């Protein structure tokens, strides 16, 4: 089991990596700069994280957990699929609006070669009710409720839209967010 000091050091390194990549991107985040900002040496970083790719993946796992918690807060099996989508879409908007560095990191990560190495989410990451809910958010031909469109289009029309709106300087009111989420739902489920 890791000591408190070791855990604190790892956490500090992960936070520095998140900040640095959000500020400068993957290629302008050398281990030497990470070590300098974390107040440690490169050797200690490599002691905890065997490679830069592994370190970046660990940051991704941390950010993914934060995002998942934000999006699934308040989820209930009592919600219809459309209601659950609307709730998650609005929560995604608020996540992106509040967690700007995490959003910048995710956007870069998901468009980088690092993303290819990410394993699929395991069912152990979710409870059975949430797995059922998530399974409906697939194209109809795969047993879901969404239009049979490329995954990139489905993402752009859903959470990609939430991200785009969250990046604007405007803060959209709850009623407008519900209207946008409803329009997104109709676009995603209409053939």
N, C-alpha and C. Protein backbone atom coordinates (compact mmCIF):
# COMPACT_ATOMS: atom_id res chain seq x y z
N UNK A 1 0.84 -1.18 0.00
CA UNK A 1 0.00 0.00 0.00
C UNK A 1 0.89 1.25 0.00
N UNK A 2 0.51 2.23 -0.77
CA UNK A 2 1.31 3.45 -0.92
C UNK A 2 1.20 4.31 0.34
N UNK A 3 2.32 4.94 0.68
CA UNK A 3 2.31 5.86 1.82
C UNK A 3 1.59 7.14 1.43
N UNK A 4 1.24 7.91 2.42
CA UNK A 4 0.55 9.19 2.18
C UNK A 4 1.44 10.12 1.35
N UNK A 5 2.75 10.13 1.66
CA UNK A 5 3.69 10.98 0.93
C UNK A 5 3.76 10.55 -0.54
N UNK A 6 3.80 9.24 -0.78
CA UNK A 6 3.86 8.73 -2.15
C UNK A 6 2.58 9.10 -2.91
N UNK A 7 1.45 8.93 -2.26
CA UNK A 7 0.17 9.28 -2.89
C UNK A 7 0.11 10.77 -3.20
N UNK A 8 0.55 11.60 -2.25
CA UNK A 8 0.57 13.05 -2.47
C UNK A 8 1.48 13.43 -3.63
N UNK A 9 2.63 12.79 -3.71
CA UNK A 9 3.58 13.07 -4.80
C UNK A 9 2.98 12.68 -6.14
N UNK A 10 2.38 11.49 -6.22
CA UNK A 10 1.74 11.06 -7.47
C UNK A 10 0.62 12.02 -7.86
N UNK A 11 -0.19 12.40 -6.88
CA UNK A 11 -1.29 13.32 -7.16
C UNK A 11 -0.76 14.66 -7.68
N UNK A 12 0.31 15.16 -7.06
CA UNK A 12 0.89 16.44 -7.49
C UNK A 12 1.41 16.32 -8.93
N UNK A 13 2.06 15.23 -9.24
CA UNK A 13 2.57 15.01 -10.60
C UNK A 13 1.41 14.97 -11.60
N UNK A 14 0.35 14.25 -11.28
CA UNK A 14 -0.80 14.15 -12.18
C UNK A 14 -1.45 15.52 -12.38
N UNK A 15 -1.54 16.31 -11.32
CA UNK A 15 -2.12 17.66 -11.44
C UNK A 15 -1.25 18.55 -12.33
N UNK A 16 0.06 18.45 -12.16
CA UNK A 16 0.98 19.24 -12.99
C UNK A 16 0.83 18.83 -14.46
N UNK A 17 0.76 17.54 -14.72
CA UNK A 17 0.60 17.08 -16.10
C UNK A 17 -0.70 17.60 -16.69
N UNK A 18 -1.77 17.54 -15.93
CA UNK A 18 -3.06 18.05 -16.40
C UNK A 18 -2.95 19.54 -16.73
N UNK A 19 -2.37 20.31 -15.83
CA UNK A 19 -2.20 21.75 -16.07
C UNK A 19 -1.34 22.02 -17.30
N UNK A 20 -0.21 21.34 -17.37
CA UNK A 20 0.74 21.58 -18.45
C UNK A 20 0.16 21.22 -19.82
N UNK A 21 -0.50 20.09 -19.90
CA UNK A 21 -1.09 19.67 -21.18
C UNK A 21 -2.25 20.59 -21.56
N UNK A 22 -3.05 20.98 -20.57
CA UNK A 22 -4.15 21.92 -20.87
C UNK A 22 -3.60 23.25 -21.38
N UNK A 23 -2.46 23.68 -20.84
CA UNK A 23 -1.84 24.94 -21.25
C UNK A 23 -1.11 24.84 -22.59
N UNK A 24 -0.31 23.75 -22.75
CA UNK A 24 0.65 23.72 -23.84
C UNK A 24 0.52 22.55 -24.80
N UNK A 25 -0.31 21.58 -24.49
CA UNK A 25 -0.46 20.42 -25.35
C UNK A 25 0.52 19.32 -24.97
N UNK A 26 0.33 18.14 -25.58
CA UNK A 26 1.13 16.97 -25.25
C UNK A 26 2.61 17.13 -25.60
N UNK A 27 2.87 17.67 -26.77
CA UNK A 27 4.24 17.71 -27.27
C UNK A 27 5.09 18.79 -26.60
N UNK A 28 4.44 19.73 -25.95
CA UNK A 28 5.18 20.78 -25.26
C UNK A 28 5.07 20.59 -23.75
N UNK A 29 5.05 19.32 -23.35
CA UNK A 29 4.97 18.97 -21.92
C UNK A 29 6.04 17.92 -21.61
N UNK A 30 7.32 18.31 -21.72
CA UNK A 30 8.38 17.32 -21.48
C UNK A 30 8.47 16.93 -20.00
N UNK A 31 8.98 15.75 -19.76
CA UNK A 31 9.15 15.25 -18.39
C UNK A 31 9.97 16.23 -17.56
N UNK A 32 10.97 16.86 -18.16
CA UNK A 32 11.80 17.82 -17.42
C UNK A 32 10.96 18.98 -16.87
N UNK A 33 10.03 19.47 -17.67
CA UNK A 33 9.15 20.57 -17.22
C UNK A 33 8.16 20.08 -16.17
N UNK A 34 7.66 18.87 -16.36
CA UNK A 34 6.74 18.28 -15.36
C UNK A 34 7.46 18.17 -14.03
N UNK A 35 8.69 17.66 -14.05
CA UNK A 35 9.47 17.50 -12.82
C UNK A 35 9.72 18.86 -12.16
N UNK A 36 10.08 19.84 -12.96
CA UNK A 36 10.36 21.18 -12.42
C UNK A 36 9.11 21.74 -11.73
N UNK A 37 7.98 21.68 -12.39
CA UNK A 37 6.74 22.22 -11.81
C UNK A 37 6.25 21.41 -10.61
N UNK A 38 6.53 20.11 -10.61
CA UNK A 38 6.09 19.26 -9.49
C UNK A 38 7.06 19.31 -8.32
N UNK A 39 8.21 19.95 -8.54
CA UNK A 39 9.20 20.04 -7.48
C UNK A 39 9.87 18.71 -7.17
N UNK A 40 10.09 17.93 -8.21
CA UNK A 40 10.71 16.62 -8.06
C UNK A 40 11.67 16.38 -9.22
N UNK A 41 12.30 15.25 -9.23
CA UNK A 41 13.21 14.93 -10.32
C UNK A 41 12.57 14.01 -11.33
N UNK A 42 13.08 13.99 -12.57
CA UNK A 42 12.54 13.09 -13.58
C UNK A 42 12.61 11.62 -13.16
N UNK A 43 13.65 11.25 -12.43
CA UNK A 43 13.78 9.86 -11.99
C UNK A 43 12.63 9.40 -11.12
N UNK A 44 12.16 10.30 -10.24
CA UNK A 44 11.03 9.94 -9.37
C UNK A 44 9.74 9.79 -10.19
N UNK A 45 9.60 10.64 -11.19
CA UNK A 45 8.42 10.52 -12.06
C UNK A 45 8.44 9.15 -12.74
N UNK A 46 9.60 8.77 -13.28
CA UNK A 46 9.69 7.47 -13.95
C UNK A 46 9.60 6.30 -12.95
N UNK A 47 9.88 6.55 -11.69
CA UNK A 47 9.70 5.52 -10.67
C UNK A 47 8.20 5.20 -10.50
N UNK A 48 7.38 6.24 -10.50
CA UNK A 48 5.93 6.06 -10.32
C UNK A 48 5.21 5.76 -11.63
N UNK A 49 5.70 6.33 -12.71
CA UNK A 49 5.05 6.22 -14.02
C UNK A 49 6.10 5.78 -15.04
N UNK A 50 6.05 4.54 -15.53
CA UNK A 50 7.12 4.00 -16.37
C UNK A 50 7.38 4.72 -17.69
N UNK A 51 6.42 5.50 -18.17
CA UNK A 51 6.62 6.23 -19.42
C UNK A 51 5.71 7.45 -19.44
N UNK A 52 6.01 8.35 -20.35
CA UNK A 52 5.16 9.53 -20.50
C UNK A 52 3.76 9.11 -20.95
N UNK A 53 3.68 8.11 -21.83
CA UNK A 53 2.39 7.63 -22.31
C UNK A 53 1.55 7.09 -21.15
N UNK A 54 2.19 6.35 -20.27
CA UNK A 54 1.49 5.80 -19.10
C UNK A 54 1.02 6.93 -18.19
N UNK A 55 1.86 7.92 -17.99
CA UNK A 55 1.51 9.07 -17.17
C UNK A 55 0.30 9.80 -17.74
N UNK A 56 0.32 10.02 -19.04
CA UNK A 56 -0.81 10.70 -19.69
C UNK A 56 -2.08 9.86 -19.57
N UNK A 57 -1.95 8.56 -19.73
CA UNK A 57 -3.11 7.68 -19.59
C UNK A 57 -3.67 7.74 -18.16
N UNK A 58 -2.80 7.85 -17.16
CA UNK A 58 -3.26 7.96 -15.78
C UNK A 58 -4.03 9.26 -15.55
N UNK A 59 -3.57 10.33 -16.17
CA UNK A 59 -4.32 11.60 -16.09
C UNK A 59 -5.68 11.42 -16.75
N UNK A 60 -5.70 10.76 -17.91
CA UNK A 60 -6.97 10.52 -18.59
C UNK A 60 -7.94 9.73 -17.70
N UNK A 61 -7.46 8.68 -17.06
CA UNK A 61 -8.33 7.87 -16.19
C UNK A 61 -8.90 8.72 -15.06
N UNK A 62 -8.09 9.60 -14.51
CA UNK A 62 -8.55 10.47 -13.43
C UNK A 62 -9.62 11.44 -13.94
N UNK A 63 -9.36 12.06 -15.08
CA UNK A 63 -10.32 13.02 -15.65
C UNK A 63 -11.61 12.30 -16.05
N UNK A 64 -11.48 11.12 -16.63
CA UNK A 64 -12.67 10.34 -17.02
C UNK A 64 -13.53 10.03 -15.81
N UNK A 65 -12.91 9.72 -14.69
CA UNK A 65 -13.66 9.43 -13.46
C UNK A 65 -14.41 10.67 -12.99
N UNK A 66 -13.76 11.81 -13.00
CA UNK A 66 -14.40 13.06 -12.59
C UNK A 66 -15.59 13.36 -13.51
N UNK A 67 -15.38 13.19 -14.81
CA UNK A 67 -16.46 13.47 -15.77
C UNK A 67 -17.61 12.49 -15.58
N UNK A 68 -17.30 11.21 -15.44
CA UNK A 68 -18.35 10.20 -15.25
C UNK A 68 -19.17 10.51 -14.01
N UNK A 69 -18.53 10.88 -12.92
CA UNK A 69 -19.25 11.21 -11.69
C UNK A 69 -20.17 12.41 -11.91
N UNK A 70 -19.69 13.40 -12.62
CA UNK A 70 -20.50 14.59 -12.90
C UNK A 70 -21.70 14.25 -13.77
N UNK A 71 -21.50 13.42 -14.78
CA UNK A 71 -22.57 13.10 -15.72
C UNK A 71 -23.61 12.15 -15.13
N UNK A 72 -23.22 11.30 -14.22
CA UNK A 72 -24.16 10.31 -13.69
C UNK A 72 -24.78 10.70 -12.37
N UNK A 73 -24.40 11.86 -11.84
CA UNK A 73 -24.99 12.31 -10.58
C UNK A 73 -26.50 12.46 -10.75
N UNK A 74 -27.23 11.86 -9.85
CA UNK A 74 -28.68 11.97 -9.89
C UNK A 74 -29.36 11.01 -10.85
N UNK A 75 -28.58 10.13 -11.51
CA UNK A 75 -29.20 9.18 -12.43
C UNK A 75 -30.11 8.25 -11.66
N UNK A 76 -31.27 7.96 -12.25
CA UNK A 76 -32.24 7.06 -11.64
C UNK A 76 -32.86 6.21 -12.74
N UNK A 77 -33.15 4.97 -12.41
CA UNK A 77 -33.82 4.09 -13.37
C UNK A 77 -35.26 4.55 -13.61
N UNK A 78 -35.73 5.46 -12.81
CA UNK A 78 -37.09 6.00 -12.99
C UNK A 78 -37.16 6.96 -14.18
N UNK A 79 -36.03 7.45 -14.63
CA UNK A 79 -36.02 8.39 -15.76
C UNK A 79 -36.20 7.64 -17.07
N UNK A 80 -36.94 8.24 -17.98
CA UNK A 80 -37.01 7.69 -19.32
C UNK A 80 -35.65 7.90 -19.98
N UNK A 81 -35.42 7.23 -21.09
CA UNK A 81 -34.16 7.38 -21.79
C UNK A 81 -33.96 8.83 -22.21
N UNK A 82 -35.02 9.46 -22.68
CA UNK A 82 -34.91 10.86 -23.09
C UNK A 82 -34.62 11.77 -21.90
N UNK A 83 -35.29 11.54 -20.79
CA UNK A 83 -35.04 12.36 -19.60
C UNK A 83 -33.61 12.17 -19.10
N UNK A 84 -33.15 10.92 -19.11
CA UNK A 84 -31.78 10.64 -18.68
C UNK A 84 -30.77 11.32 -19.60
N UNK A 85 -31.04 11.28 -20.91
CA UNK A 85 -30.15 11.94 -21.86
C UNK A 85 -30.11 13.44 -21.59
N UNK A 86 -31.28 14.04 -21.41
CA UNK A 86 -31.36 15.48 -21.16
C UNK A 86 -30.57 15.84 -19.91
N UNK A 87 -30.76 15.05 -18.85
CA UNK A 87 -30.05 15.30 -17.60
C UNK A 87 -28.53 15.20 -17.83
N UNK A 88 -28.09 14.15 -18.51
CA UNK A 88 -26.67 13.98 -18.74
C UNK A 88 -26.10 15.07 -19.65
N UNK A 89 -26.85 15.46 -20.65
CA UNK A 89 -26.39 16.49 -21.57
C UNK A 89 -26.17 17.80 -20.82
N UNK A 90 -27.14 18.18 -19.98
CA UNK A 90 -27.02 19.42 -19.20
C UNK A 90 -25.85 19.31 -18.22
N UNK A 91 -25.69 18.16 -17.61
CA UNK A 91 -24.57 17.97 -16.69
C UNK A 91 -23.24 18.00 -17.44
N UNK A 92 -23.22 17.52 -18.67
CA UNK A 92 -22.00 17.60 -19.48
C UNK A 92 -21.65 19.06 -19.75
N UNK A 93 -22.65 19.85 -20.10
CA UNK A 93 -22.43 21.29 -20.33
C UNK A 93 -21.81 21.92 -19.09
N UNK A 94 -22.39 21.65 -17.92
CA UNK A 94 -21.88 22.23 -16.68
C UNK A 94 -20.49 21.70 -16.34
N UNK A 95 -20.24 20.43 -16.61
CA UNK A 95 -18.91 19.87 -16.39
C UNK A 95 -17.89 20.62 -17.24
N UNK A 96 -18.16 20.76 -18.53
CA UNK A 96 -17.23 21.44 -19.43
C UNK A 96 -17.06 22.91 -19.05
N UNK A 97 -18.13 23.54 -18.60
CA UNK A 97 -18.06 24.95 -18.22
C UNK A 97 -17.21 25.13 -16.96
N UNK A 98 -17.38 24.23 -15.99
CA UNK A 98 -16.69 24.34 -14.70
C UNK A 98 -15.26 23.79 -14.76
N UNK A 99 -15.06 22.71 -15.46
CA UNK A 99 -13.77 22.02 -15.50
C UNK A 99 -13.07 22.29 -16.84
N UNK A 100 -12.67 23.54 -17.04
CA UNK A 100 -12.12 23.92 -18.35
C UNK A 100 -10.80 23.22 -18.66
N UNK A 101 -9.93 23.05 -17.68
CA UNK A 101 -8.66 22.39 -17.99
C UNK A 101 -8.89 20.91 -18.28
N UNK A 102 -9.81 20.28 -17.57
CA UNK A 102 -10.13 18.88 -17.84
C UNK A 102 -10.74 18.75 -19.23
N UNK A 103 -11.60 19.71 -19.60
CA UNK A 103 -12.22 19.69 -20.93
C UNK A 103 -11.15 19.86 -22.01
N UNK A 104 -10.20 20.78 -21.80
CA UNK A 104 -9.12 20.97 -22.78
C UNK A 104 -8.28 19.71 -22.89
N UNK A 105 -7.98 19.09 -21.75
CA UNK A 105 -7.21 17.85 -21.78
C UNK A 105 -7.96 16.77 -22.55
N UNK A 106 -9.24 16.56 -22.23
CA UNK A 106 -10.02 15.52 -22.91
C UNK A 106 -10.09 15.75 -24.41
N UNK A 107 -10.29 16.99 -24.79
CA UNK A 107 -10.39 17.31 -26.21
C UNK A 107 -9.08 16.96 -26.94
N UNK A 108 -7.96 17.29 -26.31
CA UNK A 108 -6.67 16.95 -26.91
C UNK A 108 -6.44 15.44 -26.91
N UNK A 109 -6.76 14.82 -25.78
CA UNK A 109 -6.53 13.38 -25.63
C UNK A 109 -7.33 12.58 -26.66
N UNK A 110 -8.60 12.93 -26.79
CA UNK A 110 -9.48 12.19 -27.69
C UNK A 110 -9.12 12.37 -29.15
N UNK A 111 -8.31 13.37 -29.46
CA UNK A 111 -7.86 13.61 -30.83
C UNK A 111 -6.38 13.33 -31.01
N UNK A 112 -5.83 12.50 -30.13
CA UNK A 112 -4.40 12.21 -30.17
C UNK A 112 -4.15 10.72 -30.35
N UNK A 113 -2.93 10.37 -30.68
CA UNK A 113 -2.58 8.94 -30.77
C UNK A 113 -2.66 8.22 -29.43
N UNK A 114 -2.58 8.97 -28.32
CA UNK A 114 -2.67 8.35 -27.00
C UNK A 114 -4.01 7.67 -26.80
N UNK A 115 -5.05 8.22 -27.39
CA UNK A 115 -6.40 7.72 -27.22
C UNK A 115 -6.56 6.31 -27.78
N UNK A 116 -5.80 5.96 -28.78
CA UNK A 116 -5.89 4.64 -29.40
C UNK A 116 -5.59 3.54 -28.39
N UNK A 117 -4.70 3.81 -27.46
CA UNK A 117 -4.27 2.80 -26.49
C UNK A 117 -5.23 2.63 -25.32
N UNK A 118 -6.30 3.42 -25.28
CA UNK A 118 -7.23 3.35 -24.16
C UNK A 118 -8.08 2.10 -24.26
N UNK A 119 -8.09 1.28 -23.21
CA UNK A 119 -8.94 0.09 -23.25
C UNK A 119 -10.41 0.49 -23.16
N UNK A 120 -11.28 -0.40 -23.65
CA UNK A 120 -12.71 -0.15 -23.53
C UNK A 120 -13.09 -0.10 -22.06
N UNK A 121 -14.16 0.64 -21.79
CA UNK A 121 -14.64 0.69 -20.42
C UNK A 121 -15.13 -0.70 -20.02
N UNK A 122 -14.79 -1.07 -18.83
CA UNK A 122 -15.19 -2.38 -18.32
C UNK A 122 -16.51 -2.24 -17.60
N UNK A 123 -17.30 -3.29 -17.63
CA UNK A 123 -18.59 -3.25 -16.96
C UNK A 123 -18.42 -3.06 -15.46
N UNK A 124 -17.26 -3.42 -14.92
CA UNK A 124 -17.02 -3.22 -13.49
C UNK A 124 -16.98 -1.74 -13.12
N UNK A 125 -16.80 -0.86 -14.13
CA UNK A 125 -16.77 0.57 -13.87
C UNK A 125 -18.16 1.14 -13.59
N UNK A 126 -19.21 0.37 -13.86
CA UNK A 126 -20.57 0.87 -13.78
C UNK A 126 -21.47 -0.13 -13.07
N UNK A 127 -22.55 0.38 -12.46
CA UNK A 127 -23.52 -0.55 -11.90
C UNK A 127 -24.47 -1.02 -13.01
N UNK A 128 -25.25 -2.06 -12.73
CA UNK A 128 -26.11 -2.67 -13.76
C UNK A 128 -27.12 -1.69 -14.35
N UNK A 129 -27.70 -0.82 -13.53
CA UNK A 129 -28.69 0.13 -14.03
C UNK A 129 -28.05 1.12 -15.00
N UNK A 130 -26.86 1.57 -14.67
CA UNK A 130 -26.19 2.52 -15.54
C UNK A 130 -25.73 1.84 -16.83
N UNK A 131 -25.32 0.59 -16.75
CA UNK A 131 -24.95 -0.15 -17.96
C UNK A 131 -26.16 -0.29 -18.89
N UNK A 132 -27.34 -0.57 -18.33
CA UNK A 132 -28.54 -0.68 -19.14
C UNK A 132 -28.84 0.66 -19.82
N UNK A 133 -28.74 1.74 -19.05
CA UNK A 133 -28.98 3.07 -19.58
C UNK A 133 -28.01 3.37 -20.72
N UNK A 134 -26.73 3.08 -20.52
CA UNK A 134 -25.72 3.36 -21.53
C UNK A 134 -25.92 2.50 -22.78
N UNK A 135 -26.41 1.29 -22.60
CA UNK A 135 -26.59 0.41 -23.75
C UNK A 135 -27.64 0.93 -24.71
N UNK A 136 -28.55 1.76 -24.23
CA UNK A 136 -29.57 2.31 -25.13
C UNK A 136 -29.00 3.43 -26.00
N UNK A 137 -27.87 3.98 -25.62
CA UNK A 137 -27.26 5.05 -26.39
C UNK A 137 -26.29 4.50 -27.42
N UNK A 138 -26.86 3.69 -28.28
CA UNK A 138 -26.16 3.13 -29.43
C UNK A 138 -27.07 3.29 -30.63
N UNK A 139 -26.53 3.16 -31.82
CA UNK A 139 -27.39 3.22 -33.00
C UNK A 139 -28.45 2.11 -32.97
N UNK A 140 -29.56 2.35 -33.64
CA UNK A 140 -30.65 1.37 -33.68
C UNK A 140 -30.18 0.02 -34.20
N UNK A 141 -29.31 0.02 -35.20
CA UNK A 141 -28.84 -1.25 -35.75
C UNK A 141 -28.04 -2.06 -34.73
N UNK A 142 -27.59 -1.41 -33.64
CA UNK A 142 -26.86 -2.10 -32.58
C UNK A 142 -27.74 -2.31 -31.34
N UNK A 143 -29.06 -2.10 -31.51
CA UNK A 143 -29.99 -2.33 -30.41
C UNK A 143 -30.28 -1.11 -29.55
N UNK A 144 -29.82 0.05 -29.96
CA UNK A 144 -30.05 1.27 -29.19
C UNK A 144 -31.17 2.11 -29.76
N UNK A 145 -31.22 3.37 -29.34
CA UNK A 145 -32.29 4.28 -29.75
C UNK A 145 -31.80 5.37 -30.70
N UNK A 146 -30.51 5.43 -30.95
CA UNK A 146 -29.96 6.52 -31.76
C UNK A 146 -30.04 6.21 -33.25
N UNK A 147 -30.05 7.28 -34.03
CA UNK A 147 -30.05 7.14 -35.49
C UNK A 147 -28.78 6.41 -35.92
N UNK A 148 -28.88 5.69 -37.02
CA UNK A 148 -27.74 4.94 -37.54
C UNK A 148 -26.80 5.89 -38.29
N UNK A 149 -26.00 6.61 -37.50
CA UNK A 149 -25.03 7.58 -38.02
C UNK A 149 -23.65 7.21 -37.51
N UNK A 150 -22.61 7.71 -38.14
CA UNK A 150 -21.24 7.43 -37.65
C UNK A 150 -21.09 7.93 -36.21
N UNK A 151 -20.30 7.21 -35.41
CA UNK A 151 -20.10 7.61 -34.01
C UNK A 151 -19.63 9.05 -33.85
N UNK A 152 -18.78 9.51 -34.78
CA UNK A 152 -18.28 10.89 -34.70
C UNK A 152 -19.43 11.89 -34.83
N UNK A 153 -20.39 11.59 -35.69
CA UNK A 153 -21.54 12.48 -35.87
C UNK A 153 -22.41 12.47 -34.63
N UNK A 154 -22.64 11.28 -34.07
CA UNK A 154 -23.46 11.18 -32.86
C UNK A 154 -22.82 11.96 -31.72
N UNK A 155 -21.51 11.84 -31.59
CA UNK A 155 -20.81 12.57 -30.52
C UNK A 155 -20.89 14.08 -30.75
N UNK A 156 -20.67 14.51 -31.97
CA UNK A 156 -20.70 15.94 -32.28
C UNK A 156 -22.09 16.53 -32.02
N UNK A 157 -23.12 15.76 -32.28
CA UNK A 157 -24.49 16.23 -32.10
C UNK A 157 -24.95 16.16 -30.64
N UNK A 158 -24.18 15.50 -29.80
CA UNK A 158 -24.57 15.36 -28.40
C UNK A 158 -23.57 16.08 -27.50
N UNK A 159 -22.60 15.34 -26.96
CA UNK A 159 -21.67 15.94 -26.02
C UNK A 159 -20.70 16.90 -26.68
N UNK A 160 -20.44 16.73 -27.97
CA UNK A 160 -19.63 17.70 -28.69
C UNK A 160 -20.30 19.07 -28.71
N UNK A 161 -21.62 19.06 -28.86
CA UNK A 161 -22.39 20.31 -28.83
C UNK A 161 -22.33 20.93 -27.44
N UNK A 162 -22.46 20.11 -26.39
CA UNK A 162 -22.38 20.63 -25.02
C UNK A 162 -21.02 21.28 -24.79
N UNK A 163 -19.95 20.64 -25.27
CA UNK A 163 -18.61 21.20 -25.13
C UNK A 163 -18.48 22.52 -25.87
N UNK A 164 -18.96 22.55 -27.09
CA UNK A 164 -18.88 23.77 -27.91
C UNK A 164 -19.59 24.94 -27.22
N UNK A 165 -20.78 24.70 -26.70
CA UNK A 165 -21.52 25.76 -26.01
C UNK A 165 -20.84 26.17 -24.71
N UNK A 166 -20.28 25.21 -24.00
CA UNK A 166 -19.61 25.52 -22.73
C UNK A 166 -18.37 26.38 -22.94
N UNK A 167 -17.75 26.28 -24.11
CA UNK A 167 -16.56 27.07 -24.40
C UNK A 167 -16.89 28.55 -24.63
N UNK A 168 -18.14 28.84 -24.96
CA UNK A 168 -18.49 30.23 -25.22
C UNK A 168 -18.48 31.01 -23.90
N UNK A 169 -18.34 32.30 -24.02
CA UNK A 169 -18.32 33.15 -22.83
C UNK A 169 -19.71 33.27 -22.21
N UNK A 170 -20.72 33.01 -23.00
CA UNK A 170 -22.10 33.09 -22.50
C UNK A 170 -22.38 31.94 -21.55
N UNK A 171 -23.25 32.22 -20.59
CA UNK A 171 -23.73 31.16 -19.71
C UNK A 171 -25.20 30.97 -20.03
N UNK A 172 -25.56 29.81 -20.54
CA UNK A 172 -26.93 29.57 -20.96
C UNK A 172 -27.81 29.23 -19.76
N UNK A 173 -29.00 29.79 -19.74
CA UNK A 173 -29.94 29.57 -18.64
C UNK A 173 -30.51 28.16 -18.71
N UNK A 174 -30.99 27.64 -17.57
CA UNK A 174 -31.51 26.26 -17.52
C UNK A 174 -32.59 25.97 -18.57
N UNK A 175 -33.50 26.89 -18.79
CA UNK A 175 -34.57 26.65 -19.77
C UNK A 175 -33.99 26.50 -21.18
N UNK A 176 -32.99 27.31 -21.50
CA UNK A 176 -32.37 27.22 -22.83
C UNK A 176 -31.58 25.92 -22.96
N UNK A 177 -30.90 25.51 -21.89
CA UNK A 177 -30.16 24.25 -21.93
C UNK A 177 -31.11 23.08 -22.18
N UNK A 178 -32.28 23.10 -21.55
CA UNK A 178 -33.27 22.03 -21.76
C UNK A 178 -33.75 22.03 -23.21
N UNK A 179 -33.96 23.21 -23.77
CA UNK A 179 -34.41 23.30 -25.17
C UNK A 179 -33.34 22.75 -26.11
N UNK A 180 -32.09 23.10 -25.85
CA UNK A 180 -31.00 22.62 -26.70
C UNK A 180 -30.84 21.12 -26.56
N UNK A 181 -30.91 20.61 -25.33
CA UNK A 181 -30.80 19.17 -25.11
C UNK A 181 -31.93 18.43 -25.81
N UNK A 182 -33.13 18.99 -25.77
CA UNK A 182 -34.28 18.36 -26.44
C UNK A 182 -34.09 18.35 -27.96
N UNK A 183 -33.57 19.44 -28.50
CA UNK A 183 -33.30 19.49 -29.95
C UNK A 183 -32.21 18.48 -30.32
N UNK A 184 -31.20 18.35 -29.48
CA UNK A 184 -30.14 17.39 -29.71
C UNK A 184 -30.72 15.97 -29.69
N UNK A 185 -31.57 15.69 -28.72
CA UNK A 185 -32.20 14.36 -28.62
C UNK A 185 -33.00 14.04 -29.89
N UNK A 186 -33.78 15.00 -30.35
CA UNK A 186 -34.58 14.78 -31.56
C UNK A 186 -33.67 14.51 -32.75
N UNK A 187 -32.59 15.25 -32.87
CA UNK A 187 -31.66 15.06 -33.98
C UNK A 187 -30.97 13.70 -33.90
N UNK A 188 -30.67 13.25 -32.70
CA UNK A 188 -29.98 11.98 -32.51
C UNK A 188 -30.87 10.76 -32.74
N UNK A 189 -32.16 10.92 -32.53
CA UNK A 189 -33.06 9.77 -32.58
C UNK A 189 -33.96 9.76 -33.81
N UNK A 190 -33.85 10.77 -34.66
CA UNK A 190 -34.69 10.84 -35.85
C UNK A 190 -33.94 10.26 -37.04
N UNK A 191 -34.63 9.40 -37.77
CA UNK A 191 -34.01 8.83 -38.99
C UNK A 191 -34.36 9.69 -40.17
